[in-house]
Protein backbone atom coordinates (compact mmCIF):
# COMPACT_ATOMS: atom_id res chain seq x y z
CA MET A 1 146.29 123.49 73.56
CA MET A 2 146.34 126.79 75.45
CA HIS A 3 143.23 128.01 77.15
CA MET A 4 141.97 131.45 76.24
CA THR A 5 139.32 131.66 78.98
CA PHE A 6 139.50 130.98 82.68
CA TYR A 7 139.19 127.37 83.73
CA TRP A 8 139.31 125.42 86.96
CA GLY A 9 141.41 122.26 87.18
CA LYS A 10 144.63 120.74 88.45
CA GLN A 11 146.17 120.41 84.94
CA ALA A 12 148.03 123.67 84.10
CA THR A 13 151.11 124.65 82.36
CA ILE A 14 152.70 127.56 84.23
CA LEU A 15 155.39 129.77 82.55
CA PHE A 16 157.13 127.01 80.59
CA ASP A 17 156.61 123.43 79.39
CA GLY A 18 158.57 121.95 82.24
CA TRP A 19 156.20 123.40 84.93
CA LYS A 20 153.20 121.30 84.23
CA THR A 21 150.77 120.18 87.04
CA SER A 22 148.93 116.90 86.66
CA THR A 23 148.14 115.90 90.20
CA TRP A 24 146.58 117.80 93.11
CA GLY A 25 149.89 117.71 94.94
CA THR A 26 151.87 119.42 92.23
CA TYR A 27 149.06 121.87 91.59
CA SER A 28 148.89 122.76 95.25
CA LEU A 29 152.73 123.19 95.56
CA SER A 30 152.63 125.41 92.39
CA LEU A 31 149.88 127.61 93.87
CA ALA A 32 151.81 127.89 97.12
CA ALA A 33 154.94 128.92 95.20
CA LEU A 34 153.05 131.53 93.23
CA PHE A 35 151.43 132.76 96.51
CA LEU A 36 154.83 133.19 98.18
CA ALA A 37 156.36 134.87 95.12
CA SER A 38 153.58 137.50 95.20
CA ILE A 39 154.21 138.16 98.92
CA VAL A 40 157.97 138.53 98.16
CA LEU A 41 157.23 140.90 95.22
CA GLN A 42 154.92 142.93 97.56
CA TYR A 43 157.81 143.10 100.12
CA ILE A 44 160.26 144.26 97.57
CA ALA A 45 157.80 146.92 96.31
CA ASN A 46 157.45 148.30 99.83
CA LEU A 47 161.07 148.17 100.64
CA ARG A 48 162.70 151.55 101.14
CA ILE A 49 166.43 151.96 100.90
CA THR A 50 167.68 154.89 103.01
CA GLY A 51 171.07 156.27 103.64
CA SER A 52 170.86 155.35 107.35
CA SER A 53 169.97 151.65 106.52
CA LEU A 54 173.12 151.36 104.30
CA SER A 55 175.61 153.13 106.43
CA GLY A 56 174.20 152.88 109.96
CA LYS A 57 174.31 156.65 110.42
CA SER A 58 172.12 159.56 109.56
CA PHE A 59 173.01 162.15 106.96
CA SER A 60 171.70 165.15 108.76
CA SER A 61 174.28 167.81 109.60
CA SER A 62 172.49 169.56 112.43
CA SER A 63 170.10 168.54 115.11
CA SER A 64 167.67 171.42 114.52
CA SER A 65 164.29 170.21 113.22
CA THR A 66 163.53 173.54 111.53
CA GLU A 67 166.64 173.46 109.30
CA ALA A 68 166.70 171.50 106.03
CA LYS A 69 168.51 168.22 106.31
CA ILE A 70 171.12 168.37 103.55
CA PRO A 71 173.83 165.64 103.10
CA LEU A 72 177.41 166.74 103.03
CA LEU A 73 178.94 166.39 99.58
CA GLY A 74 182.06 164.50 100.24
CA LYS A 75 183.75 161.50 98.65
CA ALA A 76 182.23 158.96 101.09
CA GLU A 77 178.73 160.25 100.47
CA LEU A 78 179.18 160.18 96.73
CA SER A 79 180.23 156.50 96.77
CA LEU A 80 177.49 155.67 99.24
CA SER A 81 175.05 157.35 96.89
CA SER A 82 176.25 155.39 93.92
CA SER A 83 176.13 152.06 95.83
CA LYS A 84 172.59 153.07 97.06
CA LYS A 85 171.59 153.69 93.46
CA LEU A 86 173.07 150.37 92.26
CA LEU A 87 171.30 148.39 95.05
CA GLY A 88 168.04 150.24 94.23
CA SER A 89 168.37 149.56 90.55
CA ALA A 90 169.16 145.85 91.26
CA LEU A 91 166.01 145.59 93.45
CA PHE A 92 163.97 147.37 90.88
CA GLY A 93 165.15 144.89 88.20
CA VAL A 94 164.23 141.98 90.49
CA ARG A 95 160.85 143.48 91.21
CA VAL A 96 159.96 144.05 87.53
CA GLY A 97 161.24 140.63 86.40
CA LEU A 98 159.23 138.89 89.20
CA GLY A 99 156.21 140.96 88.43
CA TYR A 100 156.27 140.05 84.66
CA LEU A 101 156.72 136.30 85.61
CA LEU A 102 153.67 136.50 87.84
CA MET A 103 151.70 138.27 85.15
CA LEU A 104 152.74 135.51 82.65
CA ALA A 105 151.72 132.92 85.20
CA VAL A 106 148.28 134.47 85.48
CA MET A 107 148.03 134.44 81.70
CA SER A 108 147.81 130.61 82.00
CA PHE A 109 144.09 131.37 82.56
CA ASN A 110 143.86 128.91 85.38
CA ALA A 111 141.60 130.37 87.98
CA GLY A 112 143.51 128.85 90.89
CA VAL A 113 146.74 130.44 89.67
CA PHE A 114 144.92 133.79 89.40
CA LEU A 115 143.53 133.53 92.95
CA ALA A 116 146.87 132.48 94.42
CA VAL A 117 148.67 135.46 92.93
CA VAL A 118 145.96 137.95 93.84
CA LEU A 119 145.72 136.61 97.36
CA GLY A 120 149.47 136.61 97.69
CA PHE A 121 149.49 140.29 96.80
CA ALA A 122 146.75 141.06 99.19
CA ALA A 123 148.56 139.16 101.98
CA GLY A 124 151.88 140.90 101.12
CA HIS A 125 150.13 144.32 101.25
CA PHE A 126 148.61 143.37 104.67
CA LEU A 127 151.98 142.31 106.00
CA PHE A 128 154.38 144.95 104.58
CA ALA A 129 152.47 148.11 103.58
CA SER A 130 153.15 151.01 105.89
CA GLU A 131 150.36 153.01 107.50
CA SER A 132 151.34 156.18 105.58
CA SER A 133 150.98 154.51 102.16
CA SER A 134 147.53 153.06 102.69
CA THR A 135 144.48 155.01 101.69
CA THR A 136 141.44 155.38 103.92
CA ALA A 137 137.95 155.98 102.94
CA THR A 138 135.55 158.00 105.00
CA VAL A 139 131.80 158.02 105.04
CA GLU A 140 130.09 161.26 105.61
CA ASP A 141 126.90 161.43 107.70
CA ASP A 142 125.70 164.51 105.81
CA ALA A 143 122.33 163.77 104.12
CA ASN A 144 123.32 166.11 101.20
CA ALA A 145 126.63 164.32 100.59
CA CYS A 146 126.90 163.00 96.99
CA GLY A 147 128.81 159.80 96.27
CA CYS A 148 129.55 160.81 92.62
């Protein structure tokens, strides 16, 4: 019988009939695997593929910081661009597939599975999110400031 509300317990079916937990050991290993999968997914989501990371060189044609950096349109750059797109598409497919698998695992409605996935995402964000992508909240000292 499939649960339709959150429940606590070591007995859970995760993703498919072959992944059933009946002991605390198998349940703990399953939670650890889901936690790590969430961290990996967050790593992939924060991964940026740049031209310099694929070729080991920069695409800029001049050293002036005021000029626009435009790649040269040559045969090598076009093949690099297509290989970059192919790698980016493959990583996107892995990211989407893993994300849907984690969503389906959470839909087992086991509270431990839910917590393992959410805590894994939080840990992955802590480890891999760049400073520029995080948002900051500021508190104003003004007495007339409205929080709405």
